[in-house]
């Protein structure tokens, strides 16, 4: 029997424990296939990828540099139809007090209202989306 799906709203505050990020504003975006996070100063150094998440304009910005040994390069078609090549990392996300694996593409999103987009690839088979609701997971935090 399939597990009952949680109902998530159009936006929420999400935790990324491995990235030391808590209560990050995220847009739940069924129009996006992949999930994405605002990332700056992205550099390949040898066989590693280095970057910082968010930027100094975000209250949750911690200035930490992260290094990833396991990462991918992927093509992402943006909402305006342009194909962009982006780095992608695997990490963990906490939603409704449960931890899930998630793949995030890294993109400078400083011109966007939400530093994180959660796309269909992550949402499918786990959640139903009610666009009238907000912060369903955040409001259930212990």
N, C-alpha and C. Protein backbone atom coordinates (compact mmCIF):
# COMPACT_ATOMS: atom_id res chain seq x y z
N UNK A 1 0.84 -1.19 0.00
CA UNK A 1 0.00 0.00 0.00
C UNK A 1 0.88 1.25 0.00
N UNK A 2 0.50 2.22 -0.81
CA UNK A 2 1.28 3.44 -0.91
C UNK A 2 1.10 4.30 0.33
N UNK A 3 2.21 4.86 0.80
CA UNK A 3 2.18 5.73 1.97
C UNK A 3 1.37 6.99 1.65
N UNK A 4 0.63 7.46 2.64
CA UNK A 4 -0.16 8.67 2.42
C UNK A 4 0.75 9.86 2.16
N UNK A 5 0.41 10.63 1.14
CA UNK A 5 1.23 11.79 0.79
C UNK A 5 0.89 12.97 1.68
N UNK A 6 1.93 13.69 2.09
CA UNK A 6 1.74 14.92 2.86
C UNK A 6 1.33 16.03 1.91
N UNK A 7 0.56 16.98 2.42
CA UNK A 7 0.15 18.13 1.61
C UNK A 7 1.09 19.29 1.91
N UNK A 8 1.77 19.74 0.87
CA UNK A 8 2.70 20.85 1.00
C UNK A 8 2.12 22.04 0.24
N UNK A 9 2.40 23.23 0.72
CA UNK A 9 1.88 24.44 0.08
C UNK A 9 2.81 24.94 -1.01
N UNK A 10 2.53 26.16 -1.49
CA UNK A 10 3.34 26.69 -2.60
C UNK A 10 4.69 27.22 -2.16
N UNK A 11 4.81 27.55 -0.86
CA UNK A 11 6.12 27.94 -0.32
C UNK A 11 6.27 27.30 1.05
N UNK A 12 7.52 27.15 1.48
CA UNK A 12 7.79 26.58 2.80
C UNK A 12 9.18 27.02 3.24
N UNK A 13 9.51 26.72 4.49
CA UNK A 13 10.85 26.98 5.02
C UNK A 13 11.48 25.61 5.26
N UNK A 14 12.61 25.39 4.60
CA UNK A 14 13.22 24.07 4.50
C UNK A 14 14.59 24.08 5.16
N UNK A 15 14.97 22.93 5.76
CA UNK A 15 16.30 22.78 6.34
C UNK A 15 17.16 21.88 5.46
N UNK A 16 18.45 22.24 5.35
CA UNK A 16 19.45 21.44 4.66
C UNK A 16 20.57 21.17 5.67
N UNK A 17 20.44 20.09 6.46
CA UNK A 17 21.37 19.87 7.57
C UNK A 17 22.84 19.76 7.15
N UNK A 18 23.13 19.11 6.02
CA UNK A 18 24.52 18.94 5.60
C UNK A 18 25.14 20.24 5.08
N UNK A 19 24.28 21.23 4.78
CA UNK A 19 24.77 22.52 4.27
C UNK A 19 24.71 23.60 5.35
N UNK A 20 24.38 23.20 6.58
CA UNK A 20 24.26 24.14 7.72
C UNK A 20 23.27 25.25 7.43
N UNK A 21 22.17 24.92 6.76
CA UNK A 21 21.15 25.92 6.43
C UNK A 21 19.82 25.50 7.06
N UNK A 22 19.20 26.44 7.76
CA UNK A 22 17.92 26.18 8.42
C UNK A 22 16.89 27.21 7.98
N UNK A 23 15.65 26.73 7.83
CA UNK A 23 14.51 27.60 7.56
C UNK A 23 14.73 28.52 6.35
N UNK A 24 15.16 27.90 5.26
CA UNK A 24 15.41 28.63 4.02
C UNK A 24 14.11 28.69 3.22
N UNK A 25 13.76 29.88 2.76
CA UNK A 25 12.54 30.05 1.97
C UNK A 25 12.66 29.26 0.66
N UNK A 26 11.67 28.43 0.41
CA UNK A 26 11.67 27.61 -0.79
C UNK A 26 10.34 27.73 -1.50
N UNK A 27 10.41 27.82 -2.82
CA UNK A 27 9.21 27.82 -3.65
C UNK A 27 9.00 26.39 -4.13
N UNK A 28 7.79 25.88 -3.92
CA UNK A 28 7.42 24.55 -4.40
C UNK A 28 6.97 24.75 -5.85
N UNK A 29 7.73 24.22 -6.79
CA UNK A 29 7.55 24.57 -8.19
C UNK A 29 7.32 23.34 -9.06
N UNK A 30 6.04 23.04 -9.33
CA UNK A 30 5.72 21.88 -10.16
C UNK A 30 6.10 22.12 -11.62
N UNK A 31 6.39 23.35 -11.98
CA UNK A 31 6.82 23.65 -13.34
C UNK A 31 8.28 23.32 -13.56
N UNK A 32 9.04 23.14 -12.47
CA UNK A 32 10.46 22.82 -12.57
C UNK A 32 10.64 21.32 -12.35
N UNK A 33 11.48 20.69 -13.16
CA UNK A 33 11.76 19.27 -12.97
C UNK A 33 12.76 19.10 -11.83
N UNK A 34 13.87 19.83 -11.90
CA UNK A 34 14.92 19.70 -10.89
C UNK A 34 14.74 20.73 -9.78
N UNK A 35 15.39 20.48 -8.66
CA UNK A 35 15.41 21.43 -7.56
C UNK A 35 16.71 22.22 -7.65
N UNK A 36 16.67 23.45 -7.15
CA UNK A 36 17.80 24.35 -7.33
C UNK A 36 18.02 25.18 -6.08
N UNK A 37 19.27 25.54 -5.82
CA UNK A 37 19.58 26.40 -4.68
C UNK A 37 20.50 27.53 -5.13
N UNK A 38 20.30 28.70 -4.50
CA UNK A 38 21.13 29.87 -4.78
C UNK A 38 22.54 29.62 -4.27
N UNK A 39 23.49 29.74 -5.16
CA UNK A 39 24.87 29.40 -4.86
C UNK A 39 25.78 30.42 -5.53
N UNK A 40 26.83 30.83 -4.83
CA UNK A 40 27.75 31.81 -5.40
C UNK A 40 29.18 31.27 -5.38
N UNK A 41 30.03 31.91 -6.15
CA UNK A 41 31.46 31.61 -6.13
C UNK A 41 31.71 30.11 -6.37
N UNK A 42 31.09 29.59 -7.43
CA UNK A 42 31.19 28.15 -7.76
C UNK A 42 32.46 27.93 -8.58
N UNK A 43 33.34 27.05 -8.08
CA UNK A 43 34.61 26.80 -8.76
C UNK A 43 34.96 25.32 -8.71
N UNK A 44 35.46 24.82 -9.84
CA UNK A 44 36.05 23.47 -9.82
C UNK A 44 37.51 23.64 -9.47
N UNK A 45 37.95 22.93 -8.43
CA UNK A 45 39.34 22.98 -8.00
C UNK A 45 39.84 21.53 -7.96
N UNK A 46 40.70 21.20 -8.92
CA UNK A 46 41.13 19.80 -9.05
C UNK A 46 39.92 18.93 -9.33
N UNK A 47 39.74 17.89 -8.51
CA UNK A 47 38.58 17.02 -8.71
C UNK A 47 37.47 17.32 -7.72
N UNK A 48 37.43 18.56 -7.22
CA UNK A 48 36.37 18.95 -6.28
C UNK A 48 35.63 20.17 -6.81
N UNK A 49 34.44 20.36 -6.26
CA UNK A 49 33.63 21.54 -6.56
C UNK A 49 33.53 22.34 -5.27
N UNK A 50 33.80 23.64 -5.36
CA UNK A 50 33.71 24.50 -4.18
C UNK A 50 32.70 25.61 -4.43
N UNK A 51 31.95 25.96 -3.36
CA UNK A 51 30.96 27.02 -3.50
C UNK A 51 30.51 27.50 -2.12
N UNK A 52 29.72 28.57 -2.13
CA UNK A 52 29.03 29.07 -0.94
C UNK A 52 27.56 29.16 -1.27
N UNK A 53 26.72 28.87 -0.27
CA UNK A 53 25.28 28.90 -0.48
C UNK A 53 24.70 30.22 0.00
N UNK A 54 23.69 30.69 -0.72
CA UNK A 54 23.05 31.99 -0.49
C UNK A 54 24.08 33.08 -0.71
N UNK A 55 23.86 34.27 -0.21
CA UNK A 55 24.84 35.34 -0.29
C UNK A 55 24.60 36.29 0.86
N UNK A 56 25.43 37.31 0.97
CA UNK A 56 25.39 38.19 2.14
C UNK A 56 24.06 38.92 2.31
N UNK A 57 23.22 38.97 1.28
CA UNK A 57 21.93 39.65 1.42
C UNK A 57 20.90 38.79 2.16
N UNK A 58 21.18 37.48 2.33
CA UNK A 58 20.25 36.58 3.01
C UNK A 58 20.55 36.52 4.50
N UNK A 59 19.53 36.65 5.35
CA UNK A 59 19.77 36.57 6.79
C UNK A 59 20.35 35.22 7.23
N UNK A 60 20.10 34.16 6.48
CA UNK A 60 20.60 32.83 6.84
C UNK A 60 22.00 32.55 6.29
N UNK A 61 22.57 33.50 5.55
CA UNK A 61 23.90 33.31 4.95
C UNK A 61 24.93 33.07 6.05
N UNK A 62 25.72 31.99 5.90
CA UNK A 62 26.72 31.70 6.93
C UNK A 62 28.16 31.87 6.43
N UNK A 63 28.34 32.22 5.17
CA UNK A 63 29.67 32.49 4.64
C UNK A 63 30.55 31.26 4.49
N UNK A 64 30.06 30.08 4.82
CA UNK A 64 30.88 28.87 4.75
C UNK A 64 31.15 28.49 3.30
N UNK A 65 32.37 27.99 3.07
CA UNK A 65 32.72 27.41 1.78
C UNK A 65 32.52 25.90 1.89
N UNK A 66 31.91 25.32 0.89
CA UNK A 66 31.69 23.88 0.89
C UNK A 66 32.48 23.26 -0.26
N UNK A 67 32.96 22.06 -0.03
CA UNK A 67 33.70 21.31 -1.03
C UNK A 67 33.00 19.98 -1.25
N UNK A 68 32.75 19.66 -2.51
CA UNK A 68 32.08 18.41 -2.87
C UNK A 68 33.00 17.59 -3.76
N UNK A 69 33.18 16.32 -3.40
CA UNK A 69 33.94 15.40 -4.25
C UNK A 69 33.00 14.76 -5.27
N UNK A 70 31.76 14.52 -4.87
CA UNK A 70 30.77 13.91 -5.76
C UNK A 70 29.82 14.98 -6.26
N UNK A 71 29.90 15.26 -7.54
CA UNK A 71 28.99 16.23 -8.15
C UNK A 71 28.84 15.87 -9.61
N UNK A 72 27.79 16.41 -10.21
CA UNK A 72 27.53 16.16 -11.61
C UNK A 72 27.43 17.49 -12.35
N UNK A 73 27.46 17.39 -13.66
CA UNK A 73 27.18 18.55 -14.51
C UNK A 73 25.95 18.17 -15.32
N UNK A 74 24.95 19.04 -15.31
CA UNK A 74 23.68 18.70 -15.95
C UNK A 74 23.17 19.89 -16.77
N UNK A 75 22.35 19.59 -17.74
CA UNK A 75 21.72 20.65 -18.54
C UNK A 75 20.32 20.90 -17.98
N UNK A 76 20.00 22.16 -17.74
CA UNK A 76 18.71 22.53 -17.17
C UNK A 76 18.05 23.55 -18.10
N UNK A 77 16.79 23.28 -18.47
CA UNK A 77 16.07 24.26 -19.28
C UNK A 77 15.32 25.18 -18.34
N UNK A 78 15.63 26.47 -18.38
CA UNK A 78 14.98 27.41 -17.48
C UNK A 78 13.60 27.78 -18.00
N UNK A 79 12.85 28.50 -17.17
CA UNK A 79 11.47 28.86 -17.52
C UNK A 79 11.39 29.69 -18.81
N UNK A 80 12.48 30.38 -19.15
CA UNK A 80 12.46 31.17 -20.39
C UNK A 80 12.90 30.35 -21.61
N UNK A 81 13.10 29.02 -21.39
CA UNK A 81 13.41 28.14 -22.51
C UNK A 81 14.89 27.98 -22.81
N UNK A 82 15.75 28.77 -22.15
CA UNK A 82 17.20 28.66 -22.37
C UNK A 82 17.73 27.44 -21.65
N UNK A 83 18.66 26.73 -22.29
CA UNK A 83 19.31 25.59 -21.65
C UNK A 83 20.60 26.09 -21.02
N UNK A 84 20.76 25.77 -19.73
CA UNK A 84 21.93 26.19 -18.97
C UNK A 84 22.65 24.94 -18.48
N UNK A 85 23.95 24.97 -18.48
CA UNK A 85 24.71 23.87 -17.89
C UNK A 85 25.00 24.25 -16.44
N UNK A 86 24.65 23.36 -15.52
CA UNK A 86 24.83 23.64 -14.09
C UNK A 86 25.47 22.47 -13.39
N UNK A 87 26.11 22.78 -12.27
CA UNK A 87 26.60 21.74 -11.38
C UNK A 87 25.42 21.25 -10.55
N UNK A 88 25.48 19.97 -10.16
CA UNK A 88 24.45 19.40 -9.30
C UNK A 88 25.12 18.62 -8.18
N UNK A 89 24.56 18.73 -6.97
CA UNK A 89 25.09 18.01 -5.82
C UNK A 89 23.97 17.20 -5.18
N UNK A 90 24.35 16.16 -4.46
CA UNK A 90 23.38 15.39 -3.68
C UNK A 90 23.56 15.80 -2.23
N UNK A 91 22.44 16.03 -1.54
CA UNK A 91 22.50 16.41 -0.13
C UNK A 91 21.23 15.89 0.55
N UNK A 92 20.96 16.38 1.74
CA UNK A 92 19.77 15.98 2.50
C UNK A 92 18.88 17.20 2.72
N UNK A 93 17.57 16.94 2.78
CA UNK A 93 16.59 17.99 3.02
C UNK A 93 15.64 17.48 4.11
N UNK A 94 15.22 18.38 5.00
CA UNK A 94 14.25 18.00 6.03
C UNK A 94 12.93 18.69 5.72
N UNK A 95 11.89 17.87 5.52
CA UNK A 95 10.54 18.35 5.24
C UNK A 95 9.60 17.54 6.12
N UNK A 96 8.66 18.19 6.79
CA UNK A 96 7.72 17.51 7.69
C UNK A 96 8.46 16.60 8.68
N UNK A 97 9.55 17.11 9.25
CA UNK A 97 10.36 16.39 10.25
C UNK A 97 10.94 15.07 9.75
N UNK A 98 11.00 14.88 8.44
CA UNK A 98 11.64 13.70 7.86
C UNK A 98 12.79 14.14 6.97
N UNK A 99 13.84 13.33 6.94
CA UNK A 99 15.01 13.64 6.12
C UNK A 99 14.97 12.81 4.84
N UNK A 100 15.18 13.48 3.72
CA UNK A 100 15.16 12.84 2.40
C UNK A 100 16.45 13.20 1.65
N UNK A 101 16.89 12.31 0.75
CA UNK A 101 17.97 12.71 -0.16
C UNK A 101 17.38 13.63 -1.24
N UNK A 102 18.19 14.57 -1.70
CA UNK A 102 17.75 15.47 -2.77
C UNK A 102 18.95 15.85 -3.63
N UNK A 103 18.71 16.00 -4.92
CA UNK A 103 19.73 16.53 -5.83
C UNK A 103 19.37 17.99 -6.10
N UNK A 104 20.34 18.87 -5.90
CA UNK A 104 20.14 20.31 -6.12
C UNK A 104 21.07 20.78 -7.23
N UNK A 105 20.54 21.53 -8.17
CA UNK A 105 21.43 22.20 -9.12
C UNK A 105 21.85 23.52 -8.48
N UNK A 106 23.06 23.95 -8.79
CA UNK A 106 23.62 25.17 -8.20
C UNK A 106 23.49 26.30 -9.21
N UNK A 107 22.90 27.40 -8.77
CA UNK A 107 22.64 28.50 -9.69
C UNK A 107 22.63 29.81 -8.93
N UNK A 108 23.23 30.86 -9.51
CA UNK A 108 23.07 32.16 -8.87
C UNK A 108 21.61 32.60 -9.04
N UNK A 109 20.87 32.66 -7.95
CA UNK A 109 19.45 33.00 -7.99
C UNK A 109 19.23 34.35 -7.29
N UNK A 110 20.23 35.20 -7.28
CA UNK A 110 20.12 36.47 -6.55
C UNK A 110 19.01 37.36 -7.09
N UNK A 111 18.62 37.14 -8.34
CA UNK A 111 17.54 37.94 -8.91
C UNK A 111 16.17 37.32 -8.63
N UNK A 112 16.14 36.19 -7.93
CA UNK A 112 14.89 35.48 -7.66
C UNK A 112 14.43 35.74 -6.23
N UNK A 113 13.11 35.67 -6.03
CA UNK A 113 12.55 35.92 -4.71
C UNK A 113 12.88 34.80 -3.72
N UNK A 114 12.97 33.57 -4.23
CA UNK A 114 13.23 32.42 -3.36
C UNK A 114 14.60 31.84 -3.67
N UNK A 115 15.43 31.64 -2.63
CA UNK A 115 16.77 31.08 -2.86
C UNK A 115 16.74 29.59 -3.22
N UNK A 116 15.59 28.92 -2.98
CA UNK A 116 15.49 27.50 -3.28
C UNK A 116 14.21 27.24 -4.07
N UNK A 117 14.33 26.41 -5.11
CA UNK A 117 13.17 25.88 -5.84
C UNK A 117 13.14 24.38 -5.60
N UNK A 118 11.99 23.87 -5.25
CA UNK A 118 11.82 22.42 -5.10
C UNK A 118 10.98 21.93 -6.28
N UNK A 119 11.58 21.08 -7.10
CA UNK A 119 10.94 20.65 -8.35
C UNK A 119 10.26 19.29 -8.27
N UNK A 120 9.65 18.91 -9.40
CA UNK A 120 8.85 17.67 -9.48
C UNK A 120 9.64 16.41 -9.17
N UNK A 121 10.90 16.36 -9.59
CA UNK A 121 11.69 15.14 -9.38
C UNK A 121 11.72 14.78 -7.89
N UNK A 122 11.83 15.77 -7.02
CA UNK A 122 11.82 15.51 -5.58
C UNK A 122 10.40 15.31 -5.05
N UNK A 123 9.46 16.11 -5.51
CA UNK A 123 8.10 16.12 -4.96
C UNK A 123 7.29 14.87 -5.29
N UNK A 124 7.50 14.30 -6.48
CA UNK A 124 6.60 13.23 -6.94
C UNK A 124 6.69 12.00 -6.05
N UNK A 125 5.55 11.40 -5.84
CA UNK A 125 5.35 10.22 -4.99
C UNK A 125 5.55 10.51 -3.50
N UNK A 126 5.82 11.77 -3.10
CA UNK A 126 5.97 12.10 -1.69
C UNK A 126 4.91 13.10 -1.22
N UNK A 127 4.57 14.05 -2.07
CA UNK A 127 3.74 15.17 -1.64
C UNK A 127 2.63 15.49 -2.64
N UNK A 128 1.54 16.05 -2.12
CA UNK A 128 0.53 16.70 -2.93
C UNK A 128 0.68 18.19 -2.67
N UNK A 129 0.47 19.00 -3.70
CA UNK A 129 0.67 20.44 -3.57
C UNK A 129 -0.67 21.15 -3.56
N UNK A 130 -0.88 21.98 -2.54
CA UNK A 130 -2.06 22.84 -2.46
C UNK A 130 -1.57 24.28 -2.54
N UNK A 131 -1.77 24.94 -3.69
CA UNK A 131 -1.22 26.29 -3.88
C UNK A 131 -1.82 27.34 -2.95
N UNK A 132 -2.90 27.02 -2.25
CA UNK A 132 -3.47 27.99 -1.31
C UNK A 132 -2.74 27.99 0.03
N UNK A 133 -1.93 26.97 0.28
CA UNK A 133 -1.27 26.82 1.58
C UNK A 133 0.17 27.31 1.54
N UNK A 134 0.69 27.68 2.73
CA UNK A 134 2.08 28.07 2.88
C UNK A 134 2.64 27.48 4.17
N UNK A 135 3.93 27.17 4.14
CA UNK A 135 4.69 26.77 5.34
C UNK A 135 4.08 25.59 6.11
N UNK A 136 3.53 24.62 5.38
CA UNK A 136 2.92 23.46 6.03
C UNK A 136 3.95 22.65 6.84
N UNK A 137 5.11 22.40 6.26
CA UNK A 137 6.16 21.65 6.94
C UNK A 137 6.72 22.47 8.11
N UNK A 138 7.02 23.72 7.85
CA UNK A 138 7.61 24.60 8.88
C UNK A 138 6.68 24.71 10.08
N UNK A 139 5.38 24.82 9.85
CA UNK A 139 4.41 24.96 10.94
C UNK A 139 4.28 23.70 11.79
N UNK A 140 4.76 22.56 11.26
CA UNK A 140 4.70 21.29 12.02
C UNK A 140 5.99 20.98 12.75
N UNK A 141 7.00 21.87 12.65
CA UNK A 141 8.28 21.60 13.29
C UNK A 141 8.11 21.43 14.79
N UNK A 142 8.84 20.48 15.32
CA UNK A 142 8.77 20.20 16.77
C UNK A 142 9.44 21.33 17.54
